[in-house]
Amino acid sequence: MSAIGRAWDRRVLPWLVEKACRSTTILAERKRWVPQAAGEVLEIGVGSGLNLAFYDPDRARAVVGIDPSAELLVQARARADAAAVPVALVEAPAERLPFDAARFDSALVSYTLCSVVDPAAALAEVRRVLRPGAPLYFIEHGRSDRPRIQAWQRRVTPVWRRLGGNCHLDRDIAQLLRDAGFTLDPLEVGHVEGGGRLTSYTYQGVARNG
């Protein structure tokens, strides 16, 4: 990677991610799903910690947030310290989680599966560290159900992912979860109001581990 590319990923991209993920629509999604996580919770792709304020201390005993970006974890530190539940931040890729099997009671992933290098490996790791039957709460964007938008998502993704931290517009999140062995119930899909046509198709719900 060039020096310009490294500077983009370390300085510009974290700021862009933070800005993009603070929309009113995404805030409402966080308020709906994050408080449902219970017990010891694993958050995949904690980023700058935008979810941390929404964990319910009456349900969540502790949160372990992982992210491969040291820069984003620095931003998350203040939010982790202010959270109502104990939060540990760990620098690690989703494809190689440094935790024992069946450790966690629940997990959360939001706007992360679009950008992990190997989503199948990441989801296999999530299943490994979740207790049998434990829920994975997910809020993601990906492939539209409209053929014309799908076609544009495929065309734009090769350039988009270079600028957007490997973000893919055209991943079928529901199928990735099913292929990993999760059972989806409920699953809600659709374009959200106010979002761009290529980025606003969302997948939300609960994936059960087995």
N, C-alpha and C. Protein backbone atom coordinates (compact mmCIF):
# COMPACT_ATOMS: atom_id res chain seq x y z
N MET A 1 0.85 -1.20 0.00
CA MET A 1 0.00 0.00 0.00
C MET A 1 0.88 1.24 0.00
N SER A 2 0.48 2.27 -0.76
CA SER A 2 1.25 3.50 -0.83
C SER A 2 1.13 4.30 0.45
N ALA A 3 2.02 5.29 0.60
CA ALA A 3 1.96 6.17 1.78
C ALA A 3 0.63 6.92 1.82
N ILE A 4 0.14 7.31 0.66
CA ILE A 4 -1.15 8.00 0.61
C ILE A 4 -2.26 7.07 1.08
N GLY A 5 -2.21 5.81 0.61
CA GLY A 5 -3.22 4.84 1.03
C GLY A 5 -3.19 4.59 2.52
N ARG A 6 -1.98 4.48 3.10
CA ARG A 6 -1.87 4.27 4.54
C ARG A 6 -2.40 5.46 5.32
N ALA A 7 -2.09 6.66 4.84
CA ALA A 7 -2.59 7.87 5.51
C ALA A 7 -4.11 7.95 5.44
N TRP A 8 -4.66 7.57 4.29
CA TRP A 8 -6.13 7.55 4.14
C TRP A 8 -6.76 6.60 5.15
N ASP A 9 -6.22 5.39 5.24
CA ASP A 9 -6.80 4.38 6.13
C ASP A 9 -6.66 4.75 7.60
N ARG A 10 -5.57 5.42 7.96
CA ARG A 10 -5.32 5.72 9.37
C ARG A 10 -5.95 7.02 9.84
N ARG A 11 -6.07 8.00 8.95
CA ARG A 11 -6.53 9.31 9.39
C ARG A 11 -7.88 9.72 8.82
N VAL A 12 -8.06 9.51 7.52
CA VAL A 12 -9.29 9.98 6.88
C VAL A 12 -10.42 8.98 7.08
N LEU A 13 -10.15 7.69 6.85
CA LEU A 13 -11.21 6.68 6.89
C LEU A 13 -11.90 6.60 8.26
N PRO A 14 -11.17 6.60 9.40
CA PRO A 14 -11.87 6.57 10.69
C PRO A 14 -12.84 7.74 10.86
N TRP A 15 -12.46 8.91 10.37
CA TRP A 15 -13.35 10.08 10.46
C TRP A 15 -14.58 9.88 9.59
N LEU A 16 -14.40 9.35 8.38
CA LEU A 16 -15.54 9.11 7.49
C LEU A 16 -16.49 8.07 8.07
N VAL A 17 -15.93 6.99 8.63
CA VAL A 17 -16.77 5.95 9.23
C VAL A 17 -17.59 6.51 10.37
N GLU A 18 -16.93 7.29 11.22
CA GLU A 18 -17.63 7.91 12.35
C GLU A 18 -18.78 8.79 11.86
N LYS A 19 -18.53 9.60 10.84
CA LYS A 19 -19.56 10.51 10.33
C LYS A 19 -20.72 9.74 9.70
N ALA A 20 -20.40 8.73 8.89
CA ALA A 20 -21.44 7.97 8.19
C ALA A 20 -22.32 7.20 9.15
N CYS A 21 -21.74 6.74 10.26
CA CYS A 21 -22.48 5.86 11.18
C CYS A 21 -23.22 6.62 12.27
N ARG A 22 -23.34 7.93 12.14
CA ARG A 22 -24.06 8.71 13.15
C ARG A 22 -25.36 9.29 12.60
N SER A 23 -25.87 8.72 11.51
CA SER A 23 -27.11 9.22 10.93
C SER A 23 -28.29 8.93 11.86
N THR A 24 -29.37 9.66 11.66
CA THR A 24 -30.57 9.47 12.48
C THR A 24 -31.13 8.07 12.33
N THR A 25 -31.12 7.56 11.11
CA THR A 25 -31.64 6.21 10.87
C THR A 25 -30.83 5.16 11.59
N ILE A 26 -29.51 5.25 11.49
CA ILE A 26 -28.66 4.27 12.15
C ILE A 26 -28.77 4.39 13.65
N LEU A 27 -28.93 5.61 14.16
CA LEU A 27 -29.12 5.81 15.60
C LEU A 27 -30.37 5.07 16.09
N ALA A 28 -31.45 5.16 15.33
CA ALA A 28 -32.67 4.45 15.71
C ALA A 28 -32.46 2.95 15.70
N GLU A 29 -31.70 2.45 14.74
CA GLU A 29 -31.40 1.02 14.68
C GLU A 29 -30.60 0.58 15.90
N ARG A 30 -29.62 1.38 16.28
CA ARG A 30 -28.82 1.06 17.47
C ARG A 30 -29.70 1.00 18.72
N LYS A 31 -30.55 1.99 18.88
CA LYS A 31 -31.41 2.05 20.06
C LYS A 31 -32.36 0.85 20.13
N ARG A 32 -32.69 0.29 18.98
CA ARG A 32 -33.61 -0.84 18.96
C ARG A 32 -32.92 -2.16 19.30
N TRP A 33 -31.74 -2.41 18.71
CA TRP A 33 -31.14 -3.74 18.81
C TRP A 33 -30.10 -3.89 19.90
N VAL A 34 -29.27 -2.87 20.12
CA VAL A 34 -28.16 -3.01 21.07
C VAL A 34 -28.64 -3.37 22.48
N PRO A 35 -29.71 -2.73 23.01
CA PRO A 35 -30.12 -3.05 24.38
C PRO A 35 -30.60 -4.49 24.58
N GLN A 36 -30.83 -5.22 23.50
CA GLN A 36 -31.29 -6.60 23.65
C GLN A 36 -30.17 -7.57 24.00
N ALA A 37 -28.93 -7.19 23.75
CA ALA A 37 -27.80 -8.07 24.03
C ALA A 37 -27.69 -8.30 25.53
N ALA A 38 -27.44 -9.55 25.93
CA ALA A 38 -27.46 -9.91 27.35
C ALA A 38 -26.25 -10.76 27.72
N GLY A 39 -25.98 -10.80 29.04
CA GLY A 39 -24.88 -11.59 29.56
C GLY A 39 -23.54 -10.99 29.18
N GLU A 40 -22.56 -11.85 28.93
CA GLU A 40 -21.28 -11.37 28.42
C GLU A 40 -21.40 -11.27 26.91
N VAL A 41 -21.22 -10.07 26.39
CA VAL A 41 -21.52 -9.76 25.00
C VAL A 41 -20.22 -9.54 24.22
N LEU A 42 -20.15 -10.12 23.04
CA LEU A 42 -19.06 -9.84 22.11
C LEU A 42 -19.58 -8.91 21.02
N GLU A 43 -18.94 -7.76 20.87
CA GLU A 43 -19.28 -6.87 19.75
C GLU A 43 -18.19 -6.96 18.70
N ILE A 44 -18.58 -7.39 17.51
CA ILE A 44 -17.66 -7.53 16.38
C ILE A 44 -17.62 -6.20 15.62
N GLY A 45 -16.41 -5.64 15.45
CA GLY A 45 -16.29 -4.37 14.76
C GLY A 45 -16.80 -3.23 15.60
N VAL A 46 -16.29 -3.11 16.81
CA VAL A 46 -16.77 -2.06 17.72
C VAL A 46 -16.45 -0.67 17.21
N GLY A 47 -15.42 -0.55 16.37
CA GLY A 47 -15.09 0.74 15.76
C GLY A 47 -14.80 1.81 16.79
N SER A 48 -15.43 2.96 16.62
CA SER A 48 -15.21 4.08 17.54
C SER A 48 -16.15 4.04 18.74
N GLY A 49 -16.90 2.94 18.88
CA GLY A 49 -17.70 2.75 20.09
C GLY A 49 -19.08 3.36 20.08
N LEU A 50 -19.64 3.58 18.90
CA LEU A 50 -20.94 4.25 18.84
C LEU A 50 -22.07 3.43 19.46
N ASN A 51 -21.91 2.12 19.56
CA ASN A 51 -22.96 1.30 20.18
C ASN A 51 -22.89 1.27 21.70
N LEU A 52 -21.77 1.65 22.26
CA LEU A 52 -21.50 1.37 23.68
C LEU A 52 -22.47 2.08 24.63
N ALA A 53 -23.00 3.20 24.21
CA ALA A 53 -23.93 3.94 25.08
C ALA A 53 -25.28 3.27 25.20
N PHE A 54 -25.56 2.27 24.36
CA PHE A 54 -26.92 1.71 24.30
C PHE A 54 -27.06 0.34 24.95
N TYR A 55 -25.99 -0.21 25.50
CA TYR A 55 -26.12 -1.48 26.21
C TYR A 55 -26.89 -1.27 27.51
N ASP A 56 -27.78 -2.20 27.79
CA ASP A 56 -28.63 -2.11 28.97
C ASP A 56 -27.94 -2.82 30.15
N PRO A 57 -27.58 -2.08 31.20
CA PRO A 57 -26.88 -2.72 32.33
C PRO A 57 -27.73 -3.74 33.07
N ASP A 58 -29.04 -3.71 32.87
CA ASP A 58 -29.89 -4.72 33.49
C ASP A 58 -29.86 -6.04 32.72
N ARG A 59 -29.31 -6.01 31.51
CA ARG A 59 -29.24 -7.22 30.68
C ARG A 59 -27.80 -7.63 30.40
N ALA A 60 -26.98 -6.69 30.00
CA ALA A 60 -25.59 -6.99 29.65
C ALA A 60 -24.71 -6.91 30.90
N ARG A 61 -23.97 -7.99 31.17
CA ARG A 61 -23.07 -8.02 32.33
C ARG A 61 -21.73 -7.34 32.00
N ALA A 62 -21.25 -7.55 30.77
CA ALA A 62 -20.00 -6.97 30.31
C ALA A 62 -19.96 -7.06 28.79
N VAL A 63 -19.18 -6.19 28.17
CA VAL A 63 -19.03 -6.17 26.71
C VAL A 63 -17.55 -6.26 26.37
N VAL A 64 -17.22 -7.13 25.42
CA VAL A 64 -15.89 -7.18 24.84
C VAL A 64 -16.02 -6.72 23.39
N GLY A 65 -15.40 -5.61 23.07
CA GLY A 65 -15.48 -5.07 21.72
C GLY A 65 -14.18 -5.31 20.97
N ILE A 66 -14.26 -5.92 19.79
CA ILE A 66 -13.03 -6.17 19.02
C ILE A 66 -13.08 -5.36 17.72
N ASP A 67 -11.90 -4.96 17.28
CA ASP A 67 -11.77 -4.25 16.01
C ASP A 67 -10.32 -4.36 15.56
N PRO A 68 -10.07 -4.47 14.25
CA PRO A 68 -8.68 -4.54 13.78
C PRO A 68 -8.00 -3.19 13.69
N SER A 69 -8.75 -2.10 13.85
CA SER A 69 -8.20 -0.75 13.68
C SER A 69 -7.80 -0.15 15.02
N ALA A 70 -6.51 0.02 15.22
CA ALA A 70 -6.03 0.66 16.44
C ALA A 70 -6.51 2.10 16.54
N GLU A 71 -6.61 2.78 15.39
CA GLU A 71 -7.04 4.18 15.39
C GLU A 71 -8.48 4.30 15.87
N LEU A 72 -9.36 3.41 15.41
CA LEU A 72 -10.75 3.46 15.85
C LEU A 72 -10.88 3.08 17.32
N LEU A 73 -10.07 2.15 17.79
CA LEU A 73 -10.14 1.78 19.20
C LEU A 73 -9.70 2.91 20.11
N VAL A 74 -8.77 3.73 19.66
CA VAL A 74 -8.40 4.92 20.43
C VAL A 74 -9.60 5.84 20.58
N GLN A 75 -10.36 6.02 19.49
CA GLN A 75 -11.57 6.84 19.56
C GLN A 75 -12.60 6.22 20.48
N ALA A 76 -12.64 4.89 20.55
CA ALA A 76 -13.66 4.20 21.36
C ALA A 76 -13.39 4.27 22.85
N ARG A 77 -12.15 4.58 23.25
CA ARG A 77 -11.78 4.48 24.66
C ARG A 77 -12.66 5.34 25.56
N ALA A 78 -12.90 6.58 25.20
CA ALA A 78 -13.72 7.46 26.04
C ALA A 78 -15.14 6.94 26.15
N ARG A 79 -15.69 6.42 25.05
CA ARG A 79 -17.05 5.88 25.09
C ARG A 79 -17.10 4.60 25.93
N ALA A 80 -16.05 3.81 25.87
CA ALA A 80 -16.01 2.61 26.71
C ALA A 80 -15.98 2.98 28.18
N ASP A 81 -15.21 4.00 28.54
CA ASP A 81 -15.12 4.43 29.93
C ASP A 81 -16.44 5.00 30.44
N ALA A 82 -17.23 5.59 29.53
CA ALA A 82 -18.49 6.22 29.93
C ALA A 82 -19.68 5.27 29.88
N ALA A 83 -19.48 4.06 29.36
CA ALA A 83 -20.59 3.12 29.19
C ALA A 83 -21.14 2.67 30.55
N ALA A 84 -22.40 2.27 30.55
CA ALA A 84 -23.06 1.83 31.78
C ALA A 84 -22.69 0.40 32.15
N VAL A 85 -22.01 -0.30 31.28
CA VAL A 85 -21.54 -1.66 31.55
C VAL A 85 -20.02 -1.70 31.39
N PRO A 86 -19.33 -2.63 32.03
CA PRO A 86 -17.89 -2.75 31.83
C PRO A 86 -17.57 -3.13 30.39
N VAL A 87 -16.60 -2.44 29.80
CA VAL A 87 -16.23 -2.68 28.40
C VAL A 87 -14.73 -2.93 28.30
N ALA A 88 -14.36 -4.00 27.64
CA ALA A 88 -12.97 -4.27 27.29
C ALA A 88 -12.81 -4.13 25.79
N LEU A 89 -11.78 -3.44 25.36
CA LEU A 89 -11.51 -3.24 23.94
C LEU A 89 -10.29 -4.07 23.54
N VAL A 90 -10.43 -4.83 22.46
CA VAL A 90 -9.38 -5.75 22.02
C VAL A 90 -9.10 -5.52 20.54
N GLU A 91 -7.84 -5.33 20.20
CA GLU A 91 -7.46 -5.19 18.79
C GLU A 91 -7.29 -6.59 18.19
N ALA A 92 -8.19 -6.96 17.31
CA ALA A 92 -8.15 -8.29 16.71
C ALA A 92 -9.05 -8.31 15.48
N PRO A 93 -8.71 -9.13 14.48
CA PRO A 93 -9.59 -9.30 13.32
C PRO A 93 -10.71 -10.27 13.65
N ALA A 94 -11.85 -10.09 13.02
CA ALA A 94 -12.99 -10.97 13.27
C ALA A 94 -12.70 -12.40 12.84
N GLU A 95 -11.79 -12.57 11.89
CA GLU A 95 -11.48 -13.91 11.39
C GLU A 95 -10.63 -14.74 12.35
N ARG A 96 -10.05 -14.09 13.37
CA ARG A 96 -9.20 -14.80 14.33
C ARG A 96 -9.46 -14.23 15.72
N LEU A 97 -10.53 -14.69 16.34
CA LEU A 97 -10.92 -14.17 17.65
C LEU A 97 -10.10 -14.84 18.76
N PRO A 98 -9.48 -14.05 19.63
CA PRO A 98 -8.61 -14.61 20.67
C PRO A 98 -9.37 -15.01 21.92
N PHE A 99 -10.44 -15.82 21.75
CA PHE A 99 -11.29 -16.20 22.87
C PHE A 99 -11.57 -17.69 22.83
N ASP A 100 -11.86 -18.24 24.02
CA ASP A 100 -12.21 -19.65 24.12
C ASP A 100 -13.57 -19.93 23.49
N ALA A 101 -13.78 -21.15 23.10
CA ALA A 101 -15.06 -21.56 22.53
C ALA A 101 -16.18 -21.44 23.56
N ALA A 102 -17.36 -21.07 23.07
CA ALA A 102 -18.59 -21.00 23.89
C ALA A 102 -18.44 -20.07 25.08
N ARG A 103 -17.68 -19.00 24.91
CA ARG A 103 -17.49 -18.05 26.02
C ARG A 103 -18.64 -17.07 26.17
N PHE A 104 -19.23 -16.62 25.06
CA PHE A 104 -20.13 -15.47 25.10
C PHE A 104 -21.61 -15.88 25.09
N ASP A 105 -22.41 -15.08 25.80
CA ASP A 105 -23.85 -15.32 25.90
C ASP A 105 -24.61 -14.71 24.73
N SER A 106 -24.06 -13.69 24.11
CA SER A 106 -24.68 -13.05 22.95
C SER A 106 -23.61 -12.27 22.21
N ALA A 107 -23.93 -11.84 21.00
CA ALA A 107 -22.99 -11.06 20.19
C ALA A 107 -23.76 -10.02 19.39
N LEU A 108 -23.03 -9.01 18.95
CA LEU A 108 -23.61 -7.93 18.16
C LEU A 108 -22.66 -7.59 17.03
N VAL A 109 -23.21 -7.37 15.84
CA VAL A 109 -22.42 -6.89 14.72
C VAL A 109 -23.24 -5.84 13.99
N SER A 110 -22.64 -4.68 13.75
CA SER A 110 -23.38 -3.62 13.05
C SER A 110 -22.47 -2.94 12.04
N TYR A 111 -22.91 -2.95 10.79
CA TYR A 111 -22.19 -2.31 9.69
C TYR A 111 -20.72 -2.73 9.66
N THR A 112 -20.51 -4.05 9.76
CA THR A 112 -19.17 -4.61 9.81
C THR A 112 -18.98 -5.74 8.81
N LEU A 113 -19.99 -6.57 8.60
CA LEU A 113 -19.85 -7.71 7.70
C LEU A 113 -19.62 -7.28 6.26
N CYS A 114 -19.94 -6.04 5.94
CA CYS A 114 -19.68 -5.53 4.60
C CYS A 114 -18.19 -5.38 4.34
N SER A 115 -17.39 -5.26 5.40
CA SER A 115 -15.99 -4.88 5.21
C SER A 115 -14.97 -5.90 5.71
N VAL A 116 -15.40 -6.94 6.44
CA VAL A 116 -14.41 -7.93 6.87
C VAL A 116 -13.82 -8.61 5.64
N VAL A 117 -12.57 -9.01 5.76
CA VAL A 117 -11.87 -9.60 4.61
C VAL A 117 -12.51 -10.92 4.21
N ASP A 118 -12.84 -11.75 5.20
CA ASP A 118 -13.39 -13.08 4.93
C ASP A 118 -14.63 -13.27 5.80
N PRO A 119 -15.80 -12.90 5.31
CA PRO A 119 -17.00 -12.99 6.15
C PRO A 119 -17.33 -14.40 6.60
N ALA A 120 -17.06 -15.39 5.76
CA ALA A 120 -17.34 -16.78 6.16
C ALA A 120 -16.48 -17.18 7.35
N ALA A 121 -15.20 -16.83 7.31
CA ALA A 121 -14.31 -17.16 8.42
C ALA A 121 -14.70 -16.38 9.68
N ALA A 122 -15.08 -15.12 9.51
CA ALA A 122 -15.49 -14.31 10.65
C ALA A 122 -16.72 -14.88 11.34
N LEU A 123 -17.71 -15.28 10.54
CA LEU A 123 -18.93 -15.82 11.13
C LEU A 123 -18.69 -17.20 11.74
N ALA A 124 -17.79 -17.97 11.18
CA ALA A 124 -17.43 -19.25 11.80
C ALA A 124 -16.81 -19.02 13.16
N GLU A 125 -16.00 -17.99 13.29
CA GLU A 125 -15.40 -17.65 14.57
C GLU A 125 -16.45 -17.17 15.57
N VAL A 126 -17.40 -16.38 15.11
CA VAL A 126 -18.47 -15.93 16.00
C VAL A 126 -19.25 -17.13 16.53
N ARG A 127 -19.57 -18.05 15.65
CA ARG A 127 -20.27 -19.26 16.10
C ARG A 127 -19.44 -20.04 17.12
N ARG A 128 -18.16 -20.10 16.90
CA ARG A 128 -17.28 -20.85 17.79
C ARG A 128 -17.30 -20.29 19.22
N VAL A 129 -17.27 -18.95 19.33
CA VAL A 129 -17.14 -18.34 20.66
C VAL A 129 -18.49 -18.08 21.33
N LEU A 130 -19.60 -18.28 20.59
CA LEU A 130 -20.93 -18.15 21.18
C LEU A 130 -21.38 -19.47 21.80
N ARG A 131 -22.13 -19.36 22.88
CA ARG A 131 -22.72 -20.55 23.48
C ARG A 131 -23.77 -21.13 22.51
N PRO A 132 -24.02 -22.43 22.55
CA PRO A 132 -25.06 -23.02 21.69
C PRO A 132 -26.40 -22.35 21.89
N GLY A 133 -27.04 -21.97 20.79
CA GLY A 133 -28.33 -21.30 20.85
C GLY A 133 -28.28 -19.83 21.15
N ALA A 134 -27.09 -19.27 21.38
CA ALA A 134 -26.97 -17.86 21.74
C ALA A 134 -27.27 -16.96 20.53
N PRO A 135 -27.79 -15.75 20.78
CA PRO A 135 -28.16 -14.87 19.67
C PRO A 135 -27.02 -13.96 19.21
N LEU A 136 -26.99 -13.74 17.91
CA LEU A 136 -26.16 -12.70 17.29
C LEU A 136 -27.11 -11.65 16.75
N TYR A 137 -27.10 -10.46 17.33
CA TYR A 137 -27.92 -9.35 16.85
C TYR A 137 -27.16 -8.65 15.73
N PHE A 138 -27.84 -8.39 14.61
CA PHE A 138 -27.13 -7.82 13.47
C PHE A 138 -27.90 -6.66 12.84
N ILE A 139 -27.14 -5.66 12.44
CA ILE A 139 -27.63 -4.50 11.67
C ILE A 139 -26.59 -4.29 10.58
N GLU A 140 -26.94 -4.57 9.34
CA GLU A 140 -25.96 -4.53 8.27
C GLU A 140 -26.58 -3.94 7.00
N HIS A 141 -25.73 -3.52 6.08
CA HIS A 141 -26.22 -3.12 4.76
C HIS A 141 -25.58 -4.02 3.72
N GLY A 142 -26.24 -4.14 2.57
CA GLY A 142 -25.68 -5.01 1.55
C GLY A 142 -26.50 -5.03 0.28
N ARG A 143 -26.52 -6.19 -0.35
CA ARG A 143 -27.12 -6.34 -1.67
C ARG A 143 -28.62 -6.05 -1.66
N SER A 144 -29.04 -5.20 -2.56
CA SER A 144 -30.45 -4.85 -2.70
C SER A 144 -31.24 -6.02 -3.29
N ASP A 145 -32.55 -5.97 -3.12
CA ASP A 145 -33.42 -6.96 -3.76
C ASP A 145 -33.90 -6.47 -5.13
N ARG A 146 -33.44 -5.31 -5.57
CA ARG A 146 -33.84 -4.75 -6.85
C ARG A 146 -32.74 -5.00 -7.89
N PRO A 147 -33.03 -5.72 -8.97
CA PRO A 147 -31.99 -6.11 -9.92
C PRO A 147 -31.17 -4.94 -10.47
N ARG A 148 -31.81 -3.82 -10.78
CA ARG A 148 -31.06 -2.69 -11.35
C ARG A 148 -30.08 -2.13 -10.33
N ILE A 149 -30.50 -2.05 -9.07
CA ILE A 149 -29.59 -1.55 -8.03
C ILE A 149 -28.48 -2.56 -7.78
N GLN A 150 -28.83 -3.85 -7.79
CA GLN A 150 -27.81 -4.88 -7.64
C GLN A 150 -26.71 -4.72 -8.70
N ALA A 151 -27.13 -4.46 -9.94
CA ALA A 151 -26.16 -4.32 -11.03
C ALA A 151 -25.21 -3.16 -10.77
N TRP A 152 -25.75 -2.04 -10.30
CA TRP A 152 -24.91 -0.89 -9.98
C TRP A 152 -24.03 -1.16 -8.78
N GLN A 153 -24.55 -1.88 -7.80
CA GLN A 153 -23.71 -2.23 -6.65
C GLN A 153 -22.51 -3.06 -7.07
N ARG A 154 -22.72 -3.99 -7.99
CA ARG A 154 -21.60 -4.81 -8.49
C ARG A 154 -20.58 -3.95 -9.23
N ARG A 155 -21.07 -2.98 -10.02
CA ARG A 155 -20.16 -2.13 -10.79
C ARG A 155 -19.33 -1.22 -9.88
N VAL A 156 -19.96 -0.68 -8.86
CA VAL A 156 -19.32 0.34 -8.03
C VAL A 156 -18.43 -0.27 -6.95
N THR A 157 -18.73 -1.47 -6.48
CA THR A 157 -18.02 -2.05 -5.34
C THR A 157 -16.50 -2.10 -5.51
N PRO A 158 -15.93 -2.46 -6.67
CA PRO A 158 -14.47 -2.52 -6.76
C PRO A 158 -13.78 -1.20 -6.42
N VAL A 159 -14.38 -0.07 -6.79
CA VAL A 159 -13.81 1.24 -6.44
C VAL A 159 -14.20 1.62 -5.02
N TRP A 160 -15.46 1.38 -4.67
CA TRP A 160 -15.97 1.76 -3.35
C TRP A 160 -15.15 1.12 -2.22
N ARG A 161 -14.83 -0.14 -2.37
CA ARG A 161 -14.14 -0.83 -1.27
C ARG A 161 -12.71 -0.32 -1.08
N ARG A 162 -12.09 0.19 -2.14
CA ARG A 162 -10.75 0.76 -2.00
C ARG A 162 -10.78 2.04 -1.17
N LEU A 163 -11.85 2.82 -1.32
CA LEU A 163 -11.96 4.08 -0.58
C LEU A 163 -12.64 3.89 0.77
N GLY A 164 -13.44 2.83 0.91
CA GLY A 164 -14.27 2.66 2.10
C GLY A 164 -13.83 1.58 3.05
N GLY A 165 -12.54 1.32 3.15
CA GLY A 165 -12.07 0.33 4.11
C GLY A 165 -12.56 -1.07 3.84
N ASN A 166 -12.58 -1.46 2.56
CA ASN A 166 -13.01 -2.79 2.10
C ASN A 166 -14.52 -2.99 2.17
N CYS A 167 -15.29 -1.93 2.29
CA CYS A 167 -16.75 -2.03 2.33
C CYS A 167 -17.28 -2.50 0.98
N HIS A 168 -18.03 -3.61 1.01
CA HIS A 168 -18.67 -4.16 -0.18
C HIS A 168 -20.16 -3.80 -0.17
N LEU A 169 -20.62 -3.26 -1.27
CA LEU A 169 -22.04 -2.90 -1.38
C LEU A 169 -22.92 -4.09 -1.74
N ASP A 170 -22.32 -5.17 -2.22
CA ASP A 170 -23.10 -6.22 -2.87
C ASP A 170 -23.07 -7.57 -2.13
N ARG A 171 -22.81 -7.56 -0.84
CA ARG A 171 -22.84 -8.82 -0.09
C ARG A 171 -24.25 -9.12 0.38
N ASP A 172 -24.67 -10.36 0.19
CA ASP A 172 -25.98 -10.81 0.66
C ASP A 172 -25.80 -11.28 2.11
N ILE A 173 -26.08 -10.39 3.04
CA ILE A 173 -25.80 -10.64 4.45
C ILE A 173 -26.61 -11.82 4.99
N ALA A 174 -27.87 -11.89 4.62
CA ALA A 174 -28.71 -12.98 5.11
C ALA A 174 -28.16 -14.33 4.66
N GLN A 175 -27.73 -14.42 3.39
CA GLN A 175 -27.20 -15.69 2.90
C GLN A 175 -25.88 -16.03 3.58
N LEU A 176 -25.04 -15.03 3.84
CA LEU A 176 -23.79 -15.29 4.54
C LEU A 176 -24.06 -15.89 5.92
N LEU A 177 -25.04 -15.34 6.63
CA LEU A 177 -25.38 -15.84 7.96
C LEU A 177 -25.92 -17.26 7.88
N ARG A 178 -26.79 -17.51 6.92
CA ARG A 178 -27.35 -18.87 6.76
C ARG A 178 -26.25 -19.87 6.39
N ASP A 179 -25.37 -19.47 5.48
CA ASP A 179 -24.30 -20.37 5.06
C ASP A 179 -23.37 -20.71 6.22
N ALA A 180 -23.27 -19.79 7.19
CA ALA A 180 -22.42 -20.02 8.35
C ALA A 180 -23.08 -20.93 9.38
N GLY A 181 -24.37 -21.24 9.18
CA GLY A 181 -25.06 -22.14 10.09
C GLY A 181 -25.98 -21.48 11.08
N PHE A 182 -26.21 -20.17 10.91
CA PHE A 182 -27.12 -19.46 11.79
C PHE A 182 -28.57 -19.62 11.31
N THR A 183 -29.50 -19.58 12.25
CA THR A 183 -30.92 -19.53 11.97
C THR A 183 -31.42 -18.11 12.20
N LEU A 184 -32.09 -17.53 11.21
CA LEU A 184 -32.48 -16.12 11.28
C LEU A 184 -33.96 -15.99 11.67
N ASP A 185 -34.19 -15.38 12.82
CA ASP A 185 -35.56 -15.17 13.27
C ASP A 185 -35.56 -14.17 14.43
N PRO A 186 -36.02 -12.92 14.15
CA PRO A 186 -36.57 -12.44 12.89
C PRO A 186 -35.49 -11.94 11.94
N LEU A 187 -35.89 -11.74 10.68
CA LEU A 187 -35.06 -11.09 9.69
C LEU A 187 -35.89 -10.01 9.03
N GLU A 188 -35.37 -8.78 9.03
CA GLU A 188 -36.04 -7.66 8.39
C GLU A 188 -35.11 -7.08 7.33
N VAL A 189 -35.61 -6.89 6.13
CA VAL A 189 -34.80 -6.37 5.04
C VAL A 189 -35.55 -5.26 4.31
N GLY A 190 -34.79 -4.38 3.66
CA GLY A 190 -35.43 -3.34 2.86
C GLY A 190 -34.58 -2.08 2.80
N HIS A 191 -34.87 -1.24 1.82
CA HIS A 191 -34.21 0.05 1.71
C HIS A 191 -34.77 1.00 2.77
N VAL A 192 -33.90 1.66 3.50
CA VAL A 192 -34.33 2.61 4.51
C VAL A 192 -34.48 3.99 3.89
N GLU A 193 -35.41 4.76 4.42
CA GLU A 193 -35.68 6.09 3.89
C GLU A 193 -34.49 7.01 4.15
N GLY A 194 -34.20 7.85 3.18
CA GLY A 194 -33.17 8.86 3.34
C GLY A 194 -31.77 8.39 3.02
N GLY A 195 -31.60 7.10 2.70
CA GLY A 195 -30.27 6.59 2.38
C GLY A 195 -30.03 6.56 0.89
N GLY A 196 -28.76 6.47 0.50
CA GLY A 196 -28.42 6.35 -0.90
C GLY A 196 -28.91 5.03 -1.46
N ARG A 197 -29.25 5.00 -2.72
CA ARG A 197 -29.82 3.78 -3.32
C ARG A 197 -28.86 2.61 -3.23
N LEU A 198 -27.56 2.87 -3.33
CA LEU A 198 -26.59 1.78 -3.33
C LEU A 198 -26.22 1.31 -1.93
N THR A 199 -26.47 2.13 -0.91
CA THR A 199 -25.99 1.82 0.44
C THR A 199 -27.10 1.61 1.46
N SER A 200 -28.36 1.78 1.08
CA SER A 200 -29.43 1.84 2.08
C SER A 200 -30.20 0.54 2.28
N TYR A 201 -29.83 -0.53 1.56
CA TYR A 201 -30.56 -1.79 1.76
C TYR A 201 -30.01 -2.46 3.01
N THR A 202 -30.85 -2.62 4.02
CA THR A 202 -30.38 -3.11 5.31
C THR A 202 -30.95 -4.48 5.66
N TYR A 203 -30.18 -5.18 6.45
CA TYR A 203 -30.56 -6.48 7.02
C TYR A 203 -30.49 -6.32 8.54
N GLN A 204 -31.58 -6.59 9.22
CA GLN A 204 -31.61 -6.47 10.67
C GLN A 204 -32.30 -7.68 11.27
N GLY A 205 -31.86 -8.08 12.45
CA GLY A 205 -32.56 -9.18 13.10
C GLY A 205 -31.69 -9.92 14.09
N VAL A 206 -32.07 -11.19 14.31
CA VAL A 206 -31.39 -12.04 15.27
C VAL A 206 -31.00 -13.34 14.58
N ALA A 207 -29.74 -13.71 14.69
CA ALA A 207 -29.23 -14.97 14.14
C ALA A 207 -28.89 -15.87 15.32
N ARG A 208 -29.46 -17.06 15.34
CA ARG A 208 -29.23 -18.00 16.44
C ARG A 208 -28.10 -18.97 16.08
N ASN A 209 -27.27 -19.24 17.06
CA ASN A 209 -26.13 -20.14 16.87
C ASN A 209 -26.60 -21.58 16.96
N GLY A 210 -27.01 -22.13 15.83
CA GLY A 210 -27.47 -23.51 15.81
C GLY A 210 -28.95 -23.65 16.07
